């Protein structure tokens, strides 16, 4: 059994995980709590090009969805998009150590703020630890088929854990 922890999650990982799982339900068993800043919820509900992941996000009643915007520090507001900035700010405000961000700049700024990082692939590796039959190689293929862009380093990281 994995150590339970709380995370604050950004838009891209939520979309990537829906692309893989078709739901966000597995997050419930992987984490004690999953916090979603108001700004991230707005981004998801705006839906992008094809409204992908909105029904799955709305159905995930276990997510701790913030009901109001967080006051974002000027440094974060000037460095990142609203979602990433809100994820980091909410984690700092609540004293939560782990954020789930996929974008490189957001990850760098999170590290500068002393936060622990994971991303959508890290979540899938965590899922694999609980479900050895789960194929990370197939997960990567499904995510890419849904238009999720993954860097070579991310793919290599996942495949290294696919044993």
Protein backbone atom coordinates (compact mmCIF):
# COMPACT_ATOMS: atom_id res chain seq x y z
CA UNK A 1 0.00 0.00 0.00
CA UNK A 2 1.33 3.43 -0.98
CA UNK A 3 1.74 6.27 1.48
CA UNK A 4 -1.38 8.37 1.18
CA UNK A 5 -0.86 12.02 0.42
CA UNK A 6 -2.71 15.12 -0.62
CA UNK A 7 -2.07 16.87 -3.93
CA UNK A 8 -3.13 20.04 -5.71
CA UNK A 9 -3.69 19.30 -9.40
CA UNK A 10 -3.55 21.40 -12.56
CA UNK A 11 -5.66 21.28 -15.73
CA UNK A 12 -3.29 19.36 -18.02
CA UNK A 13 -2.88 16.36 -15.72
CA UNK A 14 -6.64 16.16 -15.19
CA UNK A 15 -7.21 16.09 -18.96
CA UNK A 16 -4.38 13.59 -19.53
CA UNK A 17 -5.73 11.25 -16.85
CA UNK A 18 -9.22 11.36 -18.34
CA UNK A 19 -7.64 10.58 -21.72
CA UNK A 20 -6.09 7.47 -20.17
CA UNK A 21 -8.69 6.26 -17.70
CA UNK A 22 -11.90 7.72 -19.13
CA UNK A 23 -12.61 8.88 -15.56
CA UNK A 24 -10.88 10.52 -12.62
CA UNK A 25 -12.09 7.89 -10.16
CA UNK A 26 -8.68 6.16 -9.69
CA UNK A 27 -7.37 9.36 -8.07
CA UNK A 28 -9.71 8.65 -5.15
CA UNK A 29 -7.73 5.57 -4.10
CA UNK A 30 -4.30 7.05 -4.82
CA UNK A 31 -4.55 10.21 -2.70
CA UNK A 32 -6.05 11.21 0.63
CA UNK A 33 -7.33 14.39 -1.01
CA UNK A 34 -7.09 15.98 -4.46
CA UNK A 35 -7.47 19.77 -4.42
CA UNK A 36 -8.51 21.66 -7.54
CA UNK A 37 -8.14 25.46 -7.51
CA UNK A 38 -11.11 27.49 -8.74
CA UNK A 39 -9.01 28.70 -11.69
CA UNK A 40 -8.33 25.11 -12.79
CA UNK A 41 -12.01 24.20 -12.50
CA UNK A 42 -12.83 27.21 -14.72
CA UNK A 43 -10.28 26.08 -17.32
CA UNK A 44 -11.70 22.56 -17.39
CA UNK A 45 -15.29 23.79 -17.63
CA UNK A 46 -14.44 26.16 -20.51
CA UNK A 47 -13.73 22.94 -22.38
CA UNK A 48 -11.11 23.87 -24.92
CA UNK A 49 -11.62 22.76 -28.50
CA UNK A 50 -13.94 19.82 -27.92
CA UNK A 51 -15.22 20.02 -24.32
CA UNK A 52 -13.08 17.00 -23.48
CA UNK A 53 -13.05 15.89 -19.80
CA UNK A 54 -15.89 18.15 -18.61
CA UNK A 55 -18.37 15.34 -17.77
CA UNK A 56 -15.67 13.30 -16.02
CA UNK A 57 -14.51 16.32 -14.04
CA UNK A 58 -18.06 17.22 -13.01
CA UNK A 59 -18.76 13.61 -11.97
CA UNK A 60 -15.67 13.47 -9.71
CA UNK A 61 -17.45 14.56 -6.53
CA UNK A 62 -14.51 13.43 -4.38
CA UNK A 63 -12.31 16.25 -5.75
CA UNK A 64 -11.93 19.22 -3.38
CA UNK A 65 -12.94 21.93 -5.85
CA UNK A 66 -12.27 25.45 -4.57
CA UNK A 67 -15.33 27.69 -4.71
CA UNK A 68 -13.42 30.95 -5.09
CA UNK A 69 -10.22 32.26 -6.62
CA UNK A 70 -7.03 32.21 -4.64
CA UNK A 71 -5.09 35.48 -4.21
CA UNK A 72 -2.07 34.79 -6.39
CA UNK A 73 1.27 36.42 -5.56
CA UNK A 74 2.58 38.86 -8.18
CA UNK A 75 5.61 36.62 -8.83
CA UNK A 76 3.41 33.62 -9.69
CA UNK A 77 0.91 35.74 -11.64
CA UNK A 78 3.70 37.17 -13.80
CA UNK A 79 5.52 33.87 -14.28
CA UNK A 80 2.76 31.35 -15.08
CA UNK A 81 -0.71 30.92 -16.50
CA UNK A 82 -3.59 31.30 -14.02
CA UNK A 83 -4.08 27.58 -13.46
CA UNK A 84 -0.47 26.75 -12.67
CA UNK A 85 -0.11 29.88 -10.52
CA UNK A 86 -3.27 28.96 -8.60
CA UNK A 87 -2.07 25.37 -8.04
CA UNK A 88 1.20 26.57 -6.53
CA UNK A 89 -0.44 29.35 -4.51
CA UNK A 90 -3.13 27.04 -3.11
CA UNK A 91 -0.48 24.49 -2.09
CA UNK A 92 1.56 27.19 -0.37
CA UNK A 93 -1.51 28.70 1.34
CA UNK A 94 -2.74 25.33 2.64
CA UNK A 95 0.72 24.01 3.52
CA UNK A 96 0.39 21.12 1.05
CA UNK A 97 3.70 19.80 -0.22
CA UNK A 98 2.81 18.10 -3.52
CA UNK A 99 1.53 19.61 -6.75
CA UNK A 100 0.63 17.83 -9.97
CA UNK A 101 1.80 19.94 -12.93
CA UNK A 102 2.90 18.75 -16.38
CA UNK A 103 4.31 21.96 -17.91
CA UNK A 104 8.07 22.51 -17.53
CA UNK A 105 7.91 26.17 -16.44
CA UNK A 106 5.25 25.45 -13.82
CA UNK A 107 7.32 22.55 -12.49
CA UNK A 108 10.41 24.75 -12.27
CA UNK A 109 8.54 27.47 -10.36
CA UNK A 110 6.99 24.88 -8.04
CA UNK A 111 10.48 23.57 -7.22
CA UNK A 112 11.67 27.13 -6.55
CA UNK A 113 8.85 27.37 -4.01
CA UNK A 114 9.97 24.19 -2.25
CA UNK A 115 7.12 22.01 -3.48
CA UNK A 116 7.27 18.32 -4.36
CA UNK A 117 6.20 17.50 -7.90
CA UNK A 118 4.35 14.87 -9.78
CA UNK A 119 2.68 14.96 -13.18
CA UNK A 120 0.15 12.89 -15.06
CA UNK A 121 2.79 10.26 -15.83
CA UNK A 122 3.90 10.20 -12.19
CA UNK A 123 0.30 9.58 -11.17
CA UNK A 124 0.14 6.68 -13.62
CA UNK A 125 3.38 5.23 -12.24
CA UNK A 126 1.83 5.47 -8.76
CA UNK A 127 -1.28 3.69 -10.10
CA UNK A 128 0.95 0.97 -11.60
CA UNK A 129 2.45 0.33 -8.14
CA UNK A 130 -1.04 -0.48 -6.85
CA UNK A 131 -2.12 -2.32 -10.03
CA UNK A 132 0.84 -4.34 -11.42
CA UNK A 133 -1.22 -5.55 -14.38
CA UNK A 134 -1.60 -1.93 -15.60
CA UNK A 135 0.47 -1.21 -18.72
CA UNK A 136 2.17 2.17 -18.79
CA UNK A 137 3.15 1.58 -22.44
CA UNK A 138 -0.51 1.17 -23.39
CA UNK A 139 -1.45 4.16 -21.22
CA UNK A 140 1.06 6.32 -23.13
CA UNK A 141 -0.38 5.12 -26.43
CA UNK A 142 -3.96 5.91 -25.33
CA UNK A 143 -2.97 9.37 -24.10
CA UNK A 144 -1.14 10.16 -27.33
CA UNK A 145 -4.11 8.90 -29.37
CA UNK A 146 -6.25 11.49 -27.52
CA UNK A 147 -3.78 14.24 -28.45
CA UNK A 148 -1.87 14.41 -25.18
CA UNK A 149 1.69 15.53 -25.93
CA UNK A 150 4.38 13.75 -23.94
CA UNK A 151 8.08 14.47 -24.07
CA UNK A 152 10.64 11.79 -24.77
CA UNK A 153 11.95 12.03 -21.19
CA UNK A 154 8.45 11.54 -19.79
CA UNK A 155 7.85 8.50 -21.99
CA UNK A 156 11.21 6.99 -21.00
CA UNK A 157 10.40 7.62 -17.30
CA UNK A 158 7.09 5.78 -17.66
CA UNK A 159 8.49 2.87 -19.63
CA UNK A 160 11.29 2.42 -17.08
CA UNK A 161 8.56 1.74 -14.48
CA UNK A 162 6.52 -0.56 -16.75
CA UNK A 163 7.87 -3.88 -15.46
